[in-house]
Amino acid sequence: AGCAQVPPEEIGPDTTFAQLSLGDRAKQRAADAVEREVGVMLL
């Protein structure tokens, strides 16, 4: 939600990254942030 600049309530499990206008780079940035917070490695 932070990366897409939308409220978290607007995001569900079936929400696509395309619907959020997140391209590959933005999707990777979001994954990197999740990786840091959760402490797992995402390739």
ModelCIF file with pLDDT and N, C-alpha, C, O atoms, coordinates in Angstrom:
data_MODEL
#
_entry.id   MODEL 
#
_entity.id                         1 
_entity.type                       polymer 
_entity.pdbx_number_of_molecules   1 
#
_entity_poly.entity_id                      1 
_entity_poly.type                           'polypeptide(L)' 
_entity_poly.nstd_linkage                   no 
_entity_poly.nstd_monomer                   no 
_entity_poly.pdbx_seq_one_letter_code       AGCAQVPPEEIGPDTTFAQLSLGDRAKQRAADAVEREVGVMLL 
_entity_poly.pdbx_seq_one_letter_code_can   AGCAQVPPEEIGPDTTFAQLSLGDRAKQRAADAVEREVGVMLL 
_entity_poly.pdbx_strand_id                 A 
#
loop_
_entity_poly_seq.entity_id 
_entity_poly_seq.num 
_entity_poly_seq.mon_id 
_entity_poly_seq.hetero 
1 1  ALA n 
1 2  GLY n 
1 3  CYS n 
1 4  ALA n 
1 5  GLN n 
1 6  VAL n 
1 7  PRO n 
1 8  PRO n 
1 9  GLU n 
1 10 GLU n 
1 11 ILE n 
1 12 GLY n 
1 13 PRO n 
1 14 ASP n 
1 15 THR n 
1 16 THR n 
1 17 PHE n 
1 18 ALA n 
1 19 GLN n 
1 20 LEU n 
1 21 SER n 
1 22 LEU n 
1 23 GLY n 
1 24 ASP n 
1 25 ARG n 
1 26 ALA n 
1 27 LYS n 
1 28 GLN n 
1 29 ARG n 
1 30 ALA n 
1 31 ALA n 
1 32 ASP n 
1 33 ALA n 
1 34 VAL n 
1 35 GLU n 
1 36 ARG n 
1 37 GLU n 
1 38 VAL n 
1 39 GLY n 
1 40 VAL n 
1 41 MET n 
1 42 LEU n 
1 43 LEU n 
#
_struct_asym.id          A 
_struct_asym.entity_id   1 
#
loop_
_ma_qa_metric.id 
_ma_qa_metric.mode 
_ma_qa_metric.name 
_ma_qa_metric.software_group_id 
_ma_qa_metric.type 
1 global pLDDT . pLDDT 
2 local  pLDDT . pLDDT 
#
_ma_qa_metric_global.metric_id      1 
_ma_qa_metric_global.metric_value   94.47 
_ma_qa_metric_global.model_id       1 
_ma_qa_metric_global.ordinal_id     1 
#
loop_
_ma_qa_metric_local.label_asym_id 
_ma_qa_metric_local.label_comp_id 
_ma_qa_metric_local.label_seq_id 
_ma_qa_metric_local.metric_id 
_ma_qa_metric_local.metric_value 
_ma_qa_metric_local.model_id 
_ma_qa_metric_local.ordinal_id 
A ALA 1  2 97.00 1 1  
A GLY 2  2 96.00 1 2  
A CYS 3  2 94.00 1 3  
A ALA 4  2 95.00 1 4  
A GLN 5  2 96.00 1 5  
A VAL 6  2 96.00 1 6  
A PRO 7  2 97.00 1 7  
A PRO 8  2 95.00 1 8  
A GLU 9  2 95.00 1 9  
A GLU 10 2 95.00 1 10 
A ILE 11 2 96.00 1 11 
A GLY 12 2 95.00 1 12 
A PRO 13 2 95.00 1 13 
A ASP 14 2 97.00 1 14 
A THR 15 2 97.00 1 15 
A THR 16 2 97.00 1 16 
A PHE 17 2 96.00 1 17 
A ALA 18 2 96.00 1 18 
A GLN 19 2 96.00 1 19 
A LEU 20 2 96.00 1 20 
A SER 21 2 95.00 1 21 
A LEU 22 2 94.00 1 22 
A GLY 23 2 92.00 1 23 
A ASP 24 2 91.00 1 24 
A ARG 25 2 93.00 1 25 
A ALA 26 2 93.00 1 26 
A LYS 27 2 94.00 1 27 
A GLN 28 2 93.00 1 28 
A ARG 29 2 94.00 1 29 
A ALA 30 2 94.00 1 30 
A ALA 31 2 94.00 1 31 
A ASP 32 2 95.00 1 32 
A ALA 33 2 95.00 1 33 
A VAL 34 2 95.00 1 34 
A GLU 35 2 94.00 1 35 
A ARG 36 2 94.00 1 36 
A GLU 37 2 93.00 1 37 
A VAL 38 2 92.00 1 38 
A GLY 39 2 91.00 1 39 
A VAL 40 2 92.00 1 40 
A MET 41 2 92.00 1 41 
A LEU 42 2 93.00 1 42 
A LEU 43 2 92.00 1 43 
#
loop_
_atom_site.group_PDB 
_atom_site.id 
_atom_site.type_symbol 
_atom_site.label_atom_id 
_atom_site.label_alt_id 
_atom_site.label_comp_id 
_atom_site.label_asym_id 
_atom_site.label_entity_id 
_atom_site.label_seq_id 
_atom_site.pdbx_PDB_ins_code 
_atom_site.Cartn_x 
_atom_site.Cartn_y 
_atom_site.Cartn_z 
_atom_site.occupancy 
_atom_site.B_iso_or_equiv 
_atom_site.pdbx_formal_charge 
_atom_site.auth_seq_id 
_atom_site.auth_comp_id 
_atom_site.auth_asym_id 
_atom_site.auth_atom_id 
_atom_site.pdbx_PDB_model_num 
ATOM 1   N N  . ALA A 1 1  ? 0.836  -1.205  0.000   1.00 97.00 ? 1  ALA A N  1 
ATOM 2   C CA . ALA A 1 1  ? 0.000  0.000   0.000   1.00 97.00 ? 1  ALA A CA 1 
ATOM 3   C C  . ALA A 1 1  ? 0.867  1.250   0.000   1.00 97.00 ? 1  ALA A C  1 
ATOM 4   O O  . ALA A 1 1  ? 0.575  2.216   -0.705  1.00 97.00 ? 1  ALA A O  1 
ATOM 5   N N  . GLY A 1 2  ? 1.928  1.229   0.788   1.00 96.00 ? 2  GLY A N  1 
ATOM 6   C CA . GLY A 1 2  ? 2.835  2.370   0.813   1.00 96.00 ? 2  GLY A CA 1 
ATOM 7   C C  . GLY A 1 2  ? 3.499  2.600   -0.532  1.00 96.00 ? 2  GLY A C  1 
ATOM 8   O O  . GLY A 1 2  ? 3.625  3.740   -0.979  1.00 96.00 ? 2  GLY A O  1 
ATOM 9   N N  . CYS A 1 3  ? 3.915  1.542   -1.168  1.00 94.00 ? 3  CYS A N  1 
ATOM 10  C CA . CYS A 1 3  ? 4.554  1.658   -2.484  1.00 94.00 ? 3  CYS A CA 1 
ATOM 11  C C  . CYS A 1 3  ? 3.567  2.144   -3.547  1.00 94.00 ? 3  CYS A C  1 
ATOM 12  O O  . CYS A 1 3  ? 3.925  2.916   -4.436  1.00 94.00 ? 3  CYS A O  1 
ATOM 13  N N  . ALA A 1 4  ? 2.323  1.681   -3.440  1.00 95.00 ? 4  ALA A N  1 
ATOM 14  C CA . ALA A 1 4  ? 1.301  2.046   -4.429  1.00 95.00 ? 4  ALA A CA 1 
ATOM 15  C C  . ALA A 1 4  ? 0.577  3.336   -4.059  1.00 95.00 ? 4  ALA A C  1 
ATOM 16  O O  . ALA A 1 4  ? -0.206 3.864   -4.849  1.00 95.00 ? 4  ALA A O  1 
ATOM 17  N N  . GLN A 1 5  ? 0.839  3.836   -2.863  1.00 96.00 ? 5  GLN A N  1 
ATOM 18  C CA . GLN A 1 5  ? 0.197  5.046   -2.353  1.00 96.00 ? 5  GLN A CA 1 
ATOM 19  C C  . GLN A 1 5  ? -1.322 4.928   -2.346  1.00 96.00 ? 5  GLN A C  1 
ATOM 20  O O  . GLN A 1 5  ? -2.041 5.808   -2.819  1.00 96.00 ? 5  GLN A O  1 
ATOM 21  N N  . VAL A 1 6  ? -1.787 3.804   -1.790  1.00 96.00 ? 6  VAL A N  1 
ATOM 22  C CA . VAL A 1 6  ? -3.216 3.573   -1.591  1.00 96.00 ? 6  VAL A CA 1 
ATOM 23  C C  . VAL A 1 6  ? -3.418 3.087   -0.158  1.00 96.00 ? 6  VAL A C  1 
ATOM 24  O O  . VAL A 1 6  ? -2.475 2.588   0.456   1.00 96.00 ? 6  VAL A O  1 
ATOM 25  N N  . PRO A 1 7  ? -4.621 3.221   0.384   1.00 97.00 ? 7  PRO A N  1 
ATOM 26  C CA . PRO A 1 7  ? -4.876 2.706   1.729   1.00 97.00 ? 7  PRO A CA 1 
ATOM 27  C C  . PRO A 1 7  ? -4.770 1.183   1.751   1.00 97.00 ? 7  PRO A C  1 
ATOM 28  O O  . PRO A 1 7  ? -5.211 0.523   0.810   1.00 97.00 ? 7  PRO A O  1 
ATOM 29  N N  . PRO A 1 8  ? -4.192 0.616   2.812   1.00 95.00 ? 8  PRO A N  1 
ATOM 30  C CA . PRO A 1 8  ? -4.065 -0.851  2.897   1.00 95.00 ? 8  PRO A CA 1 
ATOM 31  C C  . PRO A 1 8  ? -5.401 -1.578  2.771   1.00 95.00 ? 8  PRO A C  1 
ATOM 32  O O  . PRO A 1 8  ? -5.450 -2.711  2.291   1.00 95.00 ? 8  PRO A O  1 
ATOM 33  N N  . GLU A 1 9  ? -6.484 -0.931  3.201   1.00 95.00 ? 9  GLU A N  1 
ATOM 34  C CA . GLU A 1 9  ? -7.805 -1.557  3.134   1.00 95.00 ? 9  GLU A CA 1 
ATOM 35  C C  . GLU A 1 9  ? -8.257 -1.819  1.701   1.00 95.00 ? 9  GLU A C  1 
ATOM 36  O O  . GLU A 1 9  ? -9.143 -2.641  1.468   1.00 95.00 ? 9  GLU A O  1 
ATOM 37  N N  . GLU A 1 10 ? -7.659 -1.131  0.752   1.00 95.00 ? 10 GLU A N  1 
ATOM 38  C CA . GLU A 1 10 ? -8.025 -1.303  -0.664  1.00 95.00 ? 10 GLU A CA 1 
ATOM 39  C C  . GLU A 1 10 ? -7.304 -2.481  -1.310  1.00 95.00 ? 10 GLU A C  1 
ATOM 40  O O  . GLU A 1 10 ? -7.541 -2.796  -2.476  1.00 95.00 ? 10 GLU A O  1 
ATOM 41  N N  . ILE A 1 11 ? -6.432 -3.123  -0.558  1.00 96.00 ? 11 ILE A N  1 
ATOM 42  C CA . ILE A 1 11 ? -5.634 -4.214  -1.115  1.00 96.00 ? 11 ILE A CA 1 
ATOM 43  C C  . ILE A 1 11 ? -6.083 -5.535  -0.514  1.00 96.00 ? 11 ILE A C  1 
ATOM 44  O O  . ILE A 1 11 ? -6.107 -5.704  0.705   1.00 96.00 ? 11 ILE A O  1 
ATOM 45  N N  . GLY A 1 12 ? -6.438 -6.466  -1.388  1.00 95.00 ? 12 GLY A N  1 
ATOM 46  C CA . GLY A 1 12 ? -6.820 -7.811  -0.967  1.00 95.00 ? 12 GLY A CA 1 
ATOM 47  C C  . GLY A 1 12 ? -5.889 -8.825  -1.585  1.00 95.00 ? 12 GLY A C  1 
ATOM 48  O O  . GLY A 1 12 ? -5.007 -8.462  -2.363  1.00 95.00 ? 12 GLY A O  1 
ATOM 49  N N  . PRO A 1 13 ? -6.067 -10.091 -1.254  1.00 95.00 ? 13 PRO A N  1 
ATOM 50  C CA . PRO A 1 13 ? -5.174 -11.119 -1.789  1.00 95.00 ? 13 PRO A CA 1 
ATOM 51  C C  . PRO A 1 13 ? -5.236 -11.264 -3.306  1.00 95.00 ? 13 PRO A C  1 
ATOM 52  O O  . PRO A 1 13 ? -4.260 -11.685 -3.927  1.00 95.00 ? 13 PRO A O  1 
ATOM 53  N N  . ASP A 1 14 ? -6.373 -10.920 -3.908  1.00 97.00 ? 14 ASP A N  1 
ATOM 54  C CA . ASP A 1 14 ? -6.507 -11.045 -5.358  1.00 97.00 ? 14 ASP A CA 1 
ATOM 55  C C  . ASP A 1 14 ? -6.127 -9.774  -6.108  1.00 97.00 ? 14 ASP A C  1 
ATOM 56  O O  . ASP A 1 14 ? -6.209 -9.730  -7.336  1.00 97.00 ? 14 ASP A O  1 
ATOM 57  N N  . THR A 1 15 ? -5.717 -8.755  -5.389  1.00 97.00 ? 15 THR A N  1 
ATOM 58  C CA . THR A 1 15 ? -5.293 -7.514  -6.029  1.00 97.00 ? 15 THR A CA 1 
ATOM 59  C C  . THR A 1 15 ? -3.996 -7.766  -6.776  1.00 97.00 ? 15 THR A C  1 
ATOM 60  O O  . THR A 1 15 ? -3.031 -8.281  -6.212  1.00 97.00 ? 15 THR A O  1 
ATOM 61  N N  . THR A 1 16 ? -3.981 -7.399  -8.045  1.00 97.00 ? 16 THR A N  1 
ATOM 62  C CA . THR A 1 16 ? -2.763 -7.600  -8.832  1.00 97.00 ? 16 THR A CA 1 
ATOM 63  C C  . THR A 1 16 ? -1.857 -6.378  -8.712  1.00 97.00 ? 16 THR A C  1 
ATOM 64  O O  . THR A 1 16 ? -2.303 -5.269  -8.415  1.00 97.00 ? 16 THR A O  1 
ATOM 65  N N  . PHE A 1 17 ? -0.583 -6.618  -8.951  1.00 96.00 ? 17 PHE A N  1 
ATOM 66  C CA . PHE A 1 17 ? 0.365  -5.514  -8.943  1.00 96.00 ? 17 PHE A CA 1 
ATOM 67  C C  . PHE A 1 17 ? 0.056  -4.560  -10.094 1.00 96.00 ? 17 PHE A C  1 
ATOM 68  O O  . PHE A 1 17 ? 0.281  -3.355  -9.982  1.00 96.00 ? 17 PHE A O  1 
ATOM 69  N N  . ALA A 1 18 ? -0.460 -5.096  -11.196 1.00 96.00 ? 18 ALA A N  1 
ATOM 70  C CA . ALA A 1 18 ? -0.845 -4.258  -12.334 1.00 96.00 ? 18 ALA A CA 1 
ATOM 71  C C  . ALA A 1 18 ? -2.002 -3.334  -11.954 1.00 96.00 ? 18 ALA A C  1 
ATOM 72  O O  . ALA A 1 18 ? -2.013 -2.167  -12.346 1.00 96.00 ? 18 ALA A O  1 
ATOM 73  N N  . GLN A 1 19 ? -2.973 -3.843  -11.195 1.00 96.00 ? 19 GLN A N  1 
ATOM 74  C CA . GLN A 1 19 ? -4.094 -2.999  -10.751 1.00 96.00 ? 19 GLN A CA 1 
ATOM 75  C C  . GLN A 1 19 ? -3.595 -1.842  -9.891  1.00 96.00 ? 19 GLN A C  1 
ATOM 76  O O  . GLN A 1 19 ? -4.196 -0.768  -9.876  1.00 96.00 ? 19 GLN A O  1 
ATOM 77  N N  . LEU A 1 20 ? -2.507 -2.063  -9.184  1.00 96.00 ? 20 LEU A N  1 
ATOM 78  C CA . LEU A 1 20 ? -1.932 -1.030  -8.322  1.00 96.00 ? 20 LEU A CA 1 
ATOM 79  C C  . LEU A 1 20 ? -0.929 -0.155  -9.077  1.00 96.00 ? 20 LEU A C  1 
ATOM 80  O O  . LEU A 1 20 ? -0.290 0.722   -8.495  1.00 96.00 ? 20 LEU A O  1 
ATOM 81  N N  . SER A 1 21 ? -0.804 -0.409  -10.381 1.00 95.00 ? 21 SER A N  1 
ATOM 82  C CA . SER A 1 21 ? 0.148  0.314   -11.232 1.00 95.00 ? 21 SER A CA 1 
ATOM 83  C C  . SER A 1 21 ? 1.581  0.169   -10.738 1.00 95.00 ? 21 SER A C  1 
ATOM 84  O O  . SER A 1 21 ? 2.379  1.102   -10.833 1.00 95.00 ? 21 SER A O  1 
ATOM 85  N N  . LEU A 1 22 ? 1.899  -1.015  -10.207 1.00 94.00 ? 22 LEU A N  1 
ATOM 86  C CA . LEU A 1 22 ? 3.267  -1.289  -9.768  1.00 94.00 ? 22 LEU A CA 1 
ATOM 87  C C  . LEU A 1 22 ? 3.949  -2.135  -10.836 1.00 94.00 ? 22 LEU A C  1 
ATOM 88  O O  . LEU A 1 22 ? 3.584  -3.290  -11.051 1.00 94.00 ? 22 LEU A O  1 
ATOM 89  N N  . GLY A 1 23 ? 4.925  -1.560  -11.492 1.00 92.00 ? 23 GLY A N  1 
ATOM 90  C CA . GLY A 1 23 ? 5.705  -2.293  -12.473 1.00 92.00 ? 23 GLY A CA 1 
ATOM 91  C C  . GLY A 1 23 ? 6.713  -3.200  -11.786 1.00 92.00 ? 23 GLY A C  1 
ATOM 92  O O  . GLY A 1 23 ? 6.709  -3.329  -10.562 1.00 92.00 ? 23 GLY A O  1 
ATOM 93  N N  . ASP A 1 24 ? 7.563  -3.818  -12.564 1.00 91.00 ? 24 ASP A N  1 
ATOM 94  C CA . ASP A 1 24 ? 8.526  -4.771  -12.015 1.00 91.00 ? 24 ASP A CA 1 
ATOM 95  C C  . ASP A 1 24 ? 9.461  -4.152  -10.973 1.00 91.00 ? 24 ASP A C  1 
ATOM 96  O O  . ASP A 1 24 ? 9.731  -4.767  -9.941  1.00 91.00 ? 24 ASP A O  1 
ATOM 97  N N  . ARG A 1 25 ? 9.947  -2.960  -11.230 1.00 93.00 ? 25 ARG A N  1 
ATOM 98  C CA . ARG A 1 25 ? 10.866 -2.324  -10.273 1.00 93.00 ? 25 ARG A CA 1 
ATOM 99  C C  . ARG A 1 25 ? 10.164 -1.985  -8.961  1.00 93.00 ? 25 ARG A C  1 
ATOM 100 O O  . ARG A 1 25 ? 10.703 -2.220  -7.880  1.00 93.00 ? 25 ARG A O  1 
ATOM 101 N N  . ALA A 1 26 ? 8.965  -1.436  -9.066  1.00 93.00 ? 26 ALA A N  1 
ATOM 102 C CA . ALA A 1 26 ? 8.219  -1.077  -7.855  1.00 93.00 ? 26 ALA A CA 1 
ATOM 103 C C  . ALA A 1 26 ? 7.822  -2.335  -7.084  1.00 93.00 ? 26 ALA A C  1 
ATOM 104 O O  . ALA A 1 26 ? 7.843  -2.348  -5.854  1.00 93.00 ? 26 ALA A O  1 
ATOM 105 N N  . LYS A 1 27 ? 7.466  -3.379  -7.805  1.00 94.00 ? 27 LYS A N  1 
ATOM 106 C CA . LYS A 1 27 ? 7.127  -4.648  -7.149  1.00 94.00 ? 27 LYS A CA 1 
ATOM 107 C C  . LYS A 1 27 ? 8.350  -5.198  -6.420  1.00 94.00 ? 27 LYS A C  1 
ATOM 108 O O  . LYS A 1 27 ? 8.226  -5.713  -5.308  1.00 94.00 ? 27 LYS A O  1 
ATOM 109 N N  . GLN A 1 28 ? 9.513  -5.095  -7.026  1.00 93.00 ? 28 GLN A N  1 
ATOM 110 C CA . GLN A 1 28 ? 10.737 -5.572  -6.383  1.00 93.00 ? 28 GLN A CA 1 
ATOM 111 C C  . GLN A 1 28 ? 11.075 -4.724  -5.165  1.00 93.00 ? 28 GLN A C  1 
ATOM 112 O O  . GLN A 1 28 ? 11.516 -5.258  -4.147  1.00 93.00 ? 28 GLN A O  1 
ATOM 113 N N  . ARG A 1 29 ? 10.875 -3.411  -5.252  1.00 94.00 ? 29 ARG A N  1 
ATOM 114 C CA . ARG A 1 29 ? 11.112 -2.544  -4.086  1.00 94.00 ? 29 ARG A CA 1 
ATOM 115 C C  . ARG A 1 29 ? 10.187 -2.927  -2.933  1.00 94.00 ? 29 ARG A C  1 
ATOM 116 O O  . ARG A 1 29 ? 10.610 -2.963  -1.778  1.00 94.00 ? 29 ARG A O  1 
ATOM 117 N N  . ALA A 1 30 ? 8.923  -3.212  -3.248  1.00 94.00 ? 30 ALA A N  1 
ATOM 118 C CA . ALA A 1 30 ? 7.980  -3.634  -2.213  1.00 94.00 ? 30 ALA A CA 1 
ATOM 119 C C  . ALA A 1 30 ? 8.435  -4.960  -1.605  1.00 94.00 ? 30 ALA A C  1 
ATOM 120 O O  . ALA A 1 30 ? 8.410  -5.126  -0.386  1.00 94.00 ? 30 ALA A O  1 
ATOM 121 N N  . ALA A 1 31 ? 8.846  -5.891  -2.443  1.00 94.00 ? 31 ALA A N  1 
ATOM 122 C CA . ALA A 1 31 ? 9.321  -7.191  -1.956  1.00 94.00 ? 31 ALA A CA 1 
ATOM 123 C C  . ALA A 1 31 ? 10.571 -7.024  -1.090  1.00 94.00 ? 31 ALA A C  1 
ATOM 124 O O  . ALA A 1 31 ? 10.720 -7.706  -0.076  1.00 94.00 ? 31 ALA A O  1 
ATOM 125 N N  . ASP A 1 32 ? 11.459 -6.128  -1.484  1.00 95.00 ? 32 ASP A N  1 
ATOM 126 C CA . ASP A 1 32 ? 12.666 -5.870  -0.689  1.00 95.00 ? 32 ASP A CA 1 
ATOM 127 C C  . ASP A 1 32 ? 12.304 -5.331  0.692   1.00 95.00 ? 32 ASP A C  1 
ATOM 128 O O  . ASP A 1 32 ? 12.909 -5.717  1.692   1.00 95.00 ? 32 ASP A O  1 
ATOM 129 N N  . ALA A 1 33 ? 11.320 -4.442  0.747   1.00 95.00 ? 33 ALA A N  1 
ATOM 130 C CA . ALA A 1 33 ? 10.884 -3.885  2.033   1.00 95.00 ? 33 ALA A CA 1 
ATOM 131 C C  . ALA A 1 33 ? 10.247 -4.965  2.896   1.00 95.00 ? 33 ALA A C  1 
ATOM 132 O O  . ALA A 1 33 ? 10.481 -5.013  4.104   1.00 95.00 ? 33 ALA A O  1 
ATOM 133 N N  . VAL A 1 34 ? 9.444  -5.830  2.286   1.00 95.00 ? 34 VAL A N  1 
ATOM 134 C CA . VAL A 1 34 ? 8.837  -6.949  3.015   1.00 95.00 ? 34 VAL A CA 1 
ATOM 135 C C  . VAL A 1 34 ? 9.940  -7.872  3.531   1.00 95.00 ? 34 VAL A C  1 
ATOM 136 O O  . VAL A 1 34 ? 9.900  -8.323  4.675   1.00 95.00 ? 34 VAL A O  1 
ATOM 137 N N  . GLU A 1 35 ? 10.904 -8.141  2.692   1.00 94.00 ? 35 GLU A N  1 
ATOM 138 C CA . GLU A 1 35 ? 12.033 -8.996  3.044   1.00 94.00 ? 35 GLU A CA 1 
ATOM 139 C C  . GLU A 1 35 ? 12.735 -8.468  4.300   1.00 94.00 ? 35 GLU A C  1 
ATOM 140 O O  . GLU A 1 35 ? 13.049 -9.237  5.209   1.00 94.00 ? 35 GLU A O  1 
ATOM 141 N N  . ARG A 1 36 ? 12.976 -7.170  4.346   1.00 94.00 ? 36 ARG A N  1 
ATOM 142 C CA . ARG A 1 36 ? 13.645 -6.559  5.507   1.00 94.00 ? 36 ARG A CA 1 
ATOM 143 C C  . ARG A 1 36 ? 12.779 -6.666  6.764   1.00 94.00 ? 36 ARG A C  1 
ATOM 144 O O  . ARG A 1 36 ? 13.289 -6.953  7.847   1.00 94.00 ? 36 ARG A O  1 
ATOM 145 N N  . GLU A 1 37 ? 11.494 -6.440  6.624   1.00 93.00 ? 37 GLU A N  1 
ATOM 146 C CA . GLU A 1 37 ? 10.614 -6.471  7.797   1.00 93.00 ? 37 GLU A CA 1 
ATOM 147 C C  . GLU A 1 37 ? 10.390 -7.875  8.344   1.00 93.00 ? 37 GLU A C  1 
ATOM 148 O O  . GLU A 1 37 ? 10.349 -8.078  9.558   1.00 93.00 ? 37 GLU A O  1 
ATOM 149 N N  . VAL A 1 38 ? 10.247 -8.839  7.444   1.00 92.00 ? 38 VAL A N  1 
ATOM 150 C CA . VAL A 1 38 ? 9.934  -10.201 7.872   1.00 92.00 ? 38 VAL A CA 1 
ATOM 151 C C  . VAL A 1 38 ? 11.203 -11.002 8.141   1.00 92.00 ? 38 VAL A C  1 
ATOM 152 O O  . VAL A 1 38 ? 11.197 -11.939 8.939   1.00 92.00 ? 38 VAL A O  1 
ATOM 153 N N  . GLY A 1 39 ? 12.291 -10.628 7.470   1.00 91.00 ? 39 GLY A N  1 
ATOM 154 C CA . GLY A 1 39 ? 13.552 -11.319 7.695   1.00 91.00 ? 39 GLY A CA 1 
ATOM 155 C C  . GLY A 1 39 ? 13.724 -12.576 6.875   1.00 91.00 ? 39 GLY A C  1 
ATOM 156 O O  . GLY A 1 39 ? 14.388 -13.519 7.305   1.00 91.00 ? 39 GLY A O  1 
ATOM 157 N N  . VAL A 1 40 ? 13.125 -12.596 5.688   1.00 92.00 ? 40 VAL A N  1 
ATOM 158 C CA . VAL A 1 40 ? 13.306 -13.730 4.785   1.00 92.00 ? 40 VAL A CA 1 
ATOM 159 C C  . VAL A 1 40 ? 13.900 -13.226 3.475   1.00 92.00 ? 40 VAL A C  1 
ATOM 160 O O  . VAL A 1 40 ? 13.754 -12.056 3.122   1.00 92.00 ? 40 VAL A O  1 
ATOM 161 N N  . MET A 1 41 ? 14.568 -14.121 2.762   1.00 92.00 ? 41 MET A N  1 
ATOM 162 C CA . MET A 1 41 ? 15.175 -13.751 1.490   1.00 92.00 ? 41 MET A CA 1 
ATOM 163 C C  . MET A 1 41 ? 14.218 -14.075 0.348   1.00 92.00 ? 41 MET A C  1 
ATOM 164 O O  . MET A 1 41 ? 13.705 -15.190 0.249   1.00 92.00 ? 41 MET A O  1 
ATOM 165 N N  . LEU A 1 42 ? 13.986 -13.086 -0.511  1.00 93.00 ? 42 LEU A N  1 
ATOM 166 C CA . LEU A 1 42 ? 13.144 -13.267 -1.690  1.00 93.00 ? 42 LEU A CA 1 
ATOM 167 C C  . LEU A 1 42 ? 13.997 -13.032 -2.927  1.00 93.00 ? 42 LEU A C  1 
ATOM 168 O O  . LEU A 1 42 ? 14.576 -11.958 -3.092  1.00 93.00 ? 42 LEU A O  1 
ATOM 169 N N  . LEU A 1 43 ? 14.074 -14.016 -3.779  1.00 92.00 ? 43 LEU A N  1 
ATOM 170 C CA . LEU A 1 43 ? 14.868 -13.894 -4.999  1.00 92.00 ? 43 LEU A CA 1 
ATOM 171 C C  . LEU A 1 43 ? 14.099 -13.110 -6.057  1.00 92.00 ? 43 LEU A C  1 
ATOM 172 O O  . LEU A 1 43 ? 14.605 -12.901 -7.160  1.00 92.00 ? 43 LEU A O  1 
#
